[in-house]
Amino acid sequence: MKSLKMVFTLEAGANVTYTLQDPKSGLTQDAVRAVMQQMIDKKAVVSGESFANGIKDAYVYESERQELD
């Protein structure tokens, strides 16, 4: 399973990660960071009372299930 991980820095100094399942293929770092910046500008990312004020990282994470013997 693939997921898009978007890691934001918060005003309080911590980080918060948003995860989106099954991202479309062909995403670029520039495209994802542009959307992340729009989310920050619109104050759409908040944890507790602390809003996101920066982008720390963005990446696609892939995991798979393995059956036990």
PDB file of N, CA and C in Angstrom:
ATOM      1  N   MET A   1       0.842  -1.169   0.000  1.00  0.00           N
ATOM      2  CA  MET A   1       0.000   0.000   0.000  1.00  0.00           C
ATOM      3  C   MET A   1       0.892   1.239   0.000  1.00  0.00           C
ATOM      4  N   LYS A   2       0.538   2.194  -0.818  1.00  0.00           N
ATOM      5  CA  LYS A   2       1.274   3.455  -0.868  1.00  0.00           C
ATOM      6  C   LYS A   2       0.498   4.542  -0.153  1.00  0.00           C
ATOM      7  N   SER A   3       1.234   5.462   0.455  1.00  0.00           N
ATOM      8  CA  SER A   3       0.607   6.628   1.074  1.00  0.00           C
ATOM      9  C   SER A   3       1.540   7.823   0.912  1.00  0.00           C
ATOM     10  N   LEU A   4       0.946   8.983   0.798  1.00  0.00           N
ATOM     11  CA  LEU A   4       1.690  10.228   0.727  1.00  0.00           C
ATOM     12  C   LEU A   4       1.786  10.795   2.130  1.00  0.00           C
ATOM     13  N   LYS A   5       2.993  11.044   2.588  1.00  0.00           N
ATOM     14  CA  LYS A   5       3.229  11.621   3.918  1.00  0.00           C
ATOM     15  C   LYS A   5       3.655  13.074   3.735  1.00  0.00           C
ATOM     16  N   MET A   6       2.932  13.980   4.360  1.00  0.00           N
ATOM     17  CA  MET A   6       3.249  15.408   4.320  1.00  0.00           C
ATOM     18  C   MET A   6       3.542  15.853   5.749  1.00  0.00           C
ATOM     19  N   VAL A   7       4.766  16.269   5.998  1.00  0.00           N
ATOM     20  CA  VAL A   7       5.198  16.628   7.349  1.00  0.00           C
ATOM     21  C   VAL A   7       5.331  18.146   7.433  1.00  0.00           C
ATOM     22  N   PHE A   8       4.577  18.734   8.358  1.00  0.00           N
ATOM     23  CA  PHE A   8       4.566  20.177   8.573  1.00  0.00           C
ATOM     24  C   PHE A   8       5.232  20.508   9.902  1.00  0.00           C
ATOM     25  N   THR A   9       5.875  21.667   9.977  1.00  0.00           N
ATOM     26  CA  THR A   9       6.349  22.172  11.257  1.00  0.00           C
ATOM     27  C   THR A   9       5.259  23.070  11.833  1.00  0.00           C
ATOM     28  N   LEU A  10       5.159  23.084  13.143  1.00  0.00           N
ATOM     29  CA  LEU A  10       4.144  23.877  13.831  1.00  0.00           C
ATOM     30  C   LEU A  10       4.772  25.077  14.529  1.00  0.00           C
ATOM     31  N   GLU A  11       3.961  26.081  14.792  1.00  0.00           N
ATOM     32  CA  GLU A  11       4.417  27.282  15.498  1.00  0.00           C
ATOM     33  C   GLU A  11       5.031  26.927  16.849  1.00  0.00           C
ATOM     34  N   ALA A  12       4.499  25.882  17.471  1.00  0.00           N
ATOM     35  CA  ALA A  12       4.971  25.490  18.800  1.00  0.00           C
ATOM     36  C   ALA A  12       6.288  24.719  18.755  1.00  0.00           C
ATOM     37  N   GLY A  13       6.793  24.447  17.550  1.00  0.00           N
ATOM     38  CA  GLY A  13       8.073  23.770  17.424  1.00  0.00           C
ATOM     39  C   GLY A  13       7.989  22.281  17.136  1.00  0.00           C
ATOM     40  N   ALA A  14       6.827  21.693  17.245  1.00  0.00           N
ATOM     41  CA  ALA A  14       6.657  20.262  16.967  1.00  0.00           C
ATOM     42  C   ALA A  14       6.379  20.053  15.478  1.00  0.00           C
ATOM     43  N   ASN A  15       6.157  18.827  15.114  1.00  0.00           N
ATOM     44  CA  ASN A  15       5.788  18.470  13.742  1.00  0.00           C
ATOM     45  C   ASN A  15       4.453  17.747  13.746  1.00  0.00           C
ATOM     46  N   VAL A  16       3.757  17.809  12.619  1.00  0.00           N
ATOM     47  CA  VAL A  16       2.536  17.037  12.434  1.00  0.00           C
ATOM     48  C   VAL A  16       2.595  16.446  11.031  1.00  0.00           C
ATOM     49  N   THR A  17       2.154  15.181  10.918  1.00  0.00           N
ATOM     50  CA  THR A  17       2.187  14.486   9.636  1.00  0.00           C
ATOM     51  C   THR A  17       0.767  14.189   9.178  1.00  0.00           C
ATOM     52  N   TYR A  18       0.470  14.586   7.944  1.00  0.00           N
ATOM     53  CA  TYR A  18      -0.794  14.235   7.302  1.00  0.00           C
ATOM     54  C   TYR A  18      -0.499  13.105   6.333  1.00  0.00           C
ATOM     55  N   THR A  19      -1.358  12.086   6.318  1.00  0.00           N
ATOM     56  CA  THR A  19      -1.173  10.926   5.457  1.00  0.00           C
ATOM     57  C   THR A  19      -2.381  10.774   4.543  1.00  0.00           C
ATOM     58  N   LEU A  20      -2.110  10.625   3.252  1.00  0.00           N
ATOM     59  CA  LEU A  20      -3.157  10.380   2.261  1.00  0.00           C
ATOM     60  C   LEU A  20      -2.897   9.017   1.624  1.00  0.00           C
ATOM     61  N   GLN A  21      -3.891   8.144   1.672  1.00  0.00           N
ATOM     62  CA  GLN A  21      -3.755   6.805   1.109  1.00  0.00           C
ATOM     63  C   GLN A  21      -3.883   6.833  -0.413  1.00  0.00           C
ATOM     64  N   ASP A  22      -3.170   5.942  -1.065  1.00  0.00           N
ATOM     65  CA  ASP A  22      -3.225   5.732  -2.513  1.00  0.00           C
ATOM     66  C   ASP A  22      -3.076   7.016  -3.319  1.00  0.00           C
ATOM     67  N   PRO A  23      -1.949   7.708  -3.191  1.00  0.00           N
ATOM     68  CA  PRO A  23      -1.752   8.930  -3.977  1.00  0.00           C
ATOM     69  C   PRO A  23      -1.623   8.587  -5.463  1.00  0.00           C
ATOM     70  N   LYS A  24      -1.977   9.540  -6.303  1.00  0.00           N
ATOM     71  CA  LYS A  24      -1.852   9.285  -7.741  1.00  0.00           C
ATOM     72  C   LYS A  24      -0.376   9.167  -8.103  1.00  0.00           C
ATOM     73  N   SER A  25      -0.112   8.441  -9.150  1.00  0.00           N
ATOM     74  CA  SER A  25       1.273   8.265  -9.573  1.00  0.00           C
ATOM     75  C   SER A  25       1.751   9.525 -10.287  1.00  0.00           C
ATOM     76  N   GLY A  26       3.046   9.711 -10.300  1.00  0.00           N
ATOM     77  CA  GLY A  26       3.620  10.850 -10.999  1.00  0.00           C
ATOM     78  C   GLY A  26       3.692  12.137 -10.199  1.00  0.00           C
ATOM     79  N   LEU A  27       3.409  12.073  -8.901  1.00  0.00           N
ATOM     80  CA  LEU A  27       3.517  13.284  -8.080  1.00  0.00           C
ATOM     81  C   LEU A  27       4.965  13.761  -8.052  1.00  0.00           C
ATOM     82  N   THR A  28       5.140  15.073  -8.036  1.00  0.00           N
ATOM     83  CA  THR A  28       6.483  15.638  -7.922  1.00  0.00           C
ATOM     84  C   THR A  28       6.609  16.383  -6.600  1.00  0.00           C
ATOM     85  N   GLN A  29       7.840  16.528  -6.156  1.00  0.00           N
ATOM     86  CA  GLN A  29       8.117  17.260  -4.923  1.00  0.00           C
ATOM     87  C   GLN A  29       7.581  18.689  -5.025  1.00  0.00           C
ATOM     88  N   ASP A  30       7.795  19.327  -6.169  1.00  0.00           N
ATOM     89  CA  ASP A  30       7.338  20.710  -6.344  1.00  0.00           C
ATOM     90  C   ASP A  30       5.820  20.819  -6.257  1.00  0.00           C
ATOM     91  N   ALA A  31       5.104  19.898  -6.881  1.00  0.00           N
ATOM     92  CA  ALA A  31       3.636  19.938  -6.865  1.00  0.00           C
ATOM     93  C   ALA A  31       3.094  19.728  -5.456  1.00  0.00           C
ATOM     94  N   VAL A  32       3.657  18.759  -4.742  1.00  0.00           N
ATOM     95  CA  VAL A  32       3.181  18.471  -3.381  1.00  0.00           C
ATOM     96  C   VAL A  32       3.494  19.641  -2.452  1.00  0.00           C
ATOM     97  N   ARG A  33       4.689  20.190  -2.562  1.00  0.00           N
ATOM     98  CA  ARG A  33       5.060  21.323  -1.701  1.00  0.00           C
ATOM     99  C   ARG A  33       4.208  22.561  -1.997  1.00  0.00           C
ATOM    100  N   ALA A  34       3.810  22.757  -3.241  1.00  0.00           N
ATOM    101  CA  ALA A  34       2.932  23.887  -3.575  1.00  0.00           C
ATOM    102  C   ALA A  34       1.582  23.740  -2.880  1.00  0.00           C
ATOM    103  N   VAL A  35       1.047  22.524  -2.883  1.00  0.00           N
ATOM    104  CA  VAL A  35      -0.236  22.279  -2.202  1.00  0.00           C
ATOM    105  C   VAL A  35      -0.064  22.423  -0.694  1.00  0.00           C
ATOM    106  N   MET A  36       1.039  21.927  -0.165  1.00  0.00           N
ATOM    107  CA  MET A  36       1.292  22.068   1.271  1.00  0.00           C
ATOM    108  C   MET A  36       1.360  23.541   1.665  1.00  0.00           C
ATOM    109  N   GLN A  37       2.004  24.354   0.841  1.00  0.00           N
ATOM    110  CA  GLN A  37       2.095  25.786   1.144  1.00  0.00           C
ATOM    111  C   GLN A  37       0.720  26.437   1.122  1.00  0.00           C
ATOM    112  N   GLN A  38      -0.130  26.024   0.186  1.00  0.00           N
ATOM    113  CA  GLN A  38      -1.506  26.541   0.164  1.00  0.00           C
ATOM    114  C   GLN A  38      -2.242  26.162   1.443  1.00  0.00           C
ATOM    115  N   MET A  39      -2.034  24.934   1.928  1.00  0.00           N
ATOM    116  CA  MET A  39      -2.663  24.497   3.177  1.00  0.00           C
ATOM    117  C   MET A  39      -2.194  25.360   4.347  1.00  0.00           C
ATOM    118  N   ILE A  40      -0.896  25.693   4.372  1.00  0.00           N
ATOM    119  CA  ILE A  40      -0.353  26.552   5.427  1.00  0.00           C
ATOM    120  C   ILE A  40      -0.955  27.949   5.323  1.00  0.00           C
ATOM    121  N   ASP A  41      -0.982  28.507   4.117  1.00  0.00           N
ATOM    122  CA  ASP A  41      -1.500  29.859   3.905  1.00  0.00           C
ATOM    123  C   ASP A  41      -2.963  29.986   4.323  1.00  0.00           C
ATOM    124  N   LYS A  42      -3.744  28.919   4.135  1.00  0.00           N
ATOM    125  CA  LYS A  42      -5.168  28.937   4.481  1.00  0.00           C
ATOM    126  C   LYS A  42      -5.420  28.503   5.922  1.00  0.00           C
ATOM    127  N   LYS A  43      -4.316  28.253   6.664  1.00  0.00           N
ATOM    128  CA  LYS A  43      -4.404  27.799   8.060  1.00  0.00           C
ATOM    129  C   LYS A  43      -5.259  26.534   8.190  1.00  0.00           C
ATOM    130  N   ALA A  44      -5.073  25.643   7.221  1.00  0.00           N
ATOM    131  CA  ALA A  44      -5.831  24.392   7.191  1.00  0.00           C
ATOM    132  C   ALA A  44      -5.179  23.291   8.021  1.00  0.00           C
ATOM    133  N   VAL A  45      -3.952  23.524   8.469  1.00  0.00           N
ATOM    134  CA  VAL A  45      -3.228  22.519   9.254  1.00  0.00           C
ATOM    135  C   VAL A  45      -3.043  23.059  10.661  1.00  0.00           C
ATOM    136  N   VAL A  46      -3.655  22.372  11.617  1.00  0.00           N
ATOM    137  CA  VAL A  46      -3.572  22.797  13.013  1.00  0.00           C
ATOM    138  C   VAL A  46      -3.521  21.565  13.900  1.00  0.00           C
ATOM    139  N   SER A  47      -2.737  21.644  14.944  1.00  0.00           N
ATOM    140  CA  SER A  47      -2.669  20.587  15.943  1.00  0.00           C
ATOM    141  C   SER A  47      -2.791  21.261  17.299  1.00  0.00           C
ATOM    142  N   GLY A  48      -3.842  20.929  18.009  1.00  0.00           N
ATOM    143  CA  GLY A  48      -4.133  21.652  19.248  1.00  0.00           C
ATOM    144  C   GLY A  48      -4.479  23.082  18.892  1.00  0.00           C
ATOM    145  N   GLU A  49      -3.699  24.016  19.397  1.00  0.00           N
ATOM    146  CA  GLU A  49      -3.910  25.427  19.062  1.00  0.00           C
ATOM    147  C   GLU A  49      -2.759  25.981  18.231  1.00  0.00           C
ATOM    148  N   SER A  50      -1.912  25.114  17.715  1.00  0.00           N
ATOM    149  CA  SER A  50      -0.735  25.526  16.973  1.00  0.00           C
ATOM    150  C   SER A  50      -0.920  25.269  15.475  1.00  0.00           C
ATOM    151  N   PHE A  51      -0.772  26.315  14.682  1.00  0.00           N
ATOM    152  CA  PHE A  51      -0.907  26.206  13.235  1.00  0.00           C
ATOM    153  C   PHE A  51       0.432  25.842  12.603  1.00  0.00           C
ATOM    154  N   ALA A  52       0.363  25.197  11.428  1.00  0.00           N
ATOM    155  CA  ALA A  52       1.572  24.898  10.669  1.00  0.00           C
ATOM    156  C   ALA A  52       2.175  26.199  10.152  1.00  0.00           C
ATOM    157  N   ASN A  53       3.498  26.279  10.203  1.00  0.00           N
ATOM    158  CA  ASN A  53       4.164  27.478   9.688  1.00  0.00           C
ATOM    159  C   ASN A  53       5.310  27.128   8.737  1.00  0.00           C
ATOM    160  N   GLY A  54       5.452  25.837   8.409  1.00  0.00           N
ATOM    161  CA  GLY A  54       6.511  25.452   7.488  1.00  0.00           C
ATOM    162  C   GLY A  54       6.355  24.025   7.006  1.00  0.00           C
ATOM    163  N   ILE A  55       7.134  23.708   5.988  1.00  0.00           N
ATOM    164  CA  ILE A  55       7.151  22.367   5.409  1.00  0.00           C
ATOM    165  C   ILE A  55       8.451  21.690   5.830  1.00  0.00           C
ATOM    166  N   LYS A  56       8.323  20.517   6.410  1.00  0.00           N
ATOM    167  CA  LYS A  56       9.518  19.772   6.807  1.00  0.00           C
ATOM    168  C   LYS A  56       9.877  18.716   5.768  1.00  0.00           C
ATOM    169  N   ASP A  57       8.871  17.972   5.272  1.00  0.00           N
ATOM    170  CA  ASP A  57       9.163  16.879   4.358  1.00  0.00           C
ATOM    171  C   ASP A  57       7.896  16.442   3.636  1.00  0.00           C
ATOM    172  N   ALA A  58       8.079  15.778   2.505  1.00  0.00           N
ATOM    173  CA  ALA A  58       6.980  15.158   1.764  1.00  0.00           C
ATOM    174  C   ALA A  58       7.557  13.970   1.017  1.00  0.00           C
ATOM    175  N   TYR A  59       6.891  12.814   1.145  1.00  0.00           N
ATOM    176  CA  TYR A  59       7.401  11.610   0.501  1.00  0.00           C
ATOM    177  C   TYR A  59       6.291  10.576   0.373  1.00  0.00           C
ATOM    178  N   VAL A  60       6.507   9.612  -0.521  1.00  0.00           N
ATOM    179  CA  VAL A  60       5.589   8.488  -0.678  1.00  0.00           C
ATOM    180  C   VAL A  60       6.174   7.321   0.096  1.00  0.00           C
ATOM    181  N   TYR A  61       5.347   6.723   0.935  1.00  0.00           N
ATOM    182  CA  TYR A  61       5.734   5.590   1.767  1.00  0.00           C
ATOM    183  C   TYR A  61       5.020   4.358   1.230  1.00  0.00           C
ATOM    184  N   GLU A  62       5.747   3.275   1.094  1.00  0.00           N
ATOM    185  CA  GLU A  62       5.145   2.046   0.588  1.00  0.00           C
ATOM    186  C   GLU A  62       5.352   0.922   1.592  1.00  0.00           C
ATOM    187  N   SER A  63       4.268   0.223   1.890  1.00  0.00           N
ATOM    188  CA  SER A  63       4.338  -0.917   2.796  1.00  0.00           C
ATOM    189  C   SER A  63       3.546  -2.072   2.188  1.00  0.00           C
ATOM    190  N   GLU A  64       3.841  -3.252   2.646  1.00  0.00           N
ATOM    191  CA  GLU A  64       3.103  -4.404   2.151  1.00  0.00           C
ATOM    192  C   GLU A  64       2.865  -5.380   3.295  1.00  0.00           C
ATOM    193  N   ARG A  65       1.834  -6.128   3.160  1.00  0.00           N
ATOM    194  CA  ARG A  65       1.475  -7.127   4.154  1.00  0.00           C
ATOM    195  C   ARG A  65       2.150  -8.447   3.826  1.00  0.00           C
ATOM    196  N   GLN A  66       2.683  -9.097   4.830  1.00  0.00           N
ATOM    197  CA  GLN A  66       3.285 -10.420   4.649  1.00  0.00           C
ATOM    198  C   GLN A  66       2.568 -11.394   5.577  1.00  0.00           C
ATOM    199  N   GLU A  67       2.067 -12.456   5.000  1.00  0.00           N
ATOM    200  CA  GLU A  67       1.372 -13.476   5.778  1.00  0.00           C
ATOM    201  C   GLU A  67       2.390 -14.258   6.602  1.00  0.00           C
ATOM    202  N   LEU A  68       1.990 -14.657   7.785  1.00  0.00           N
ATOM    203  CA  LEU A  68       2.834 -15.490   8.651  1.00  0.00           C
ATOM    204  C   LEU A  68       2.747 -16.942   8.191  1.00  0.00           C
ATOM    205  N   ASP A  69       3.826 -17.658   8.379  1.00  0.00           N
ATOM    206  CA  ASP A  69       3.835 -19.095   8.018  1.00  0.00           C
ATOM    207  C   ASP A  69       3.103 -19.900   9.057  1.00  0.00           C
TER     208      ASP A  69
END
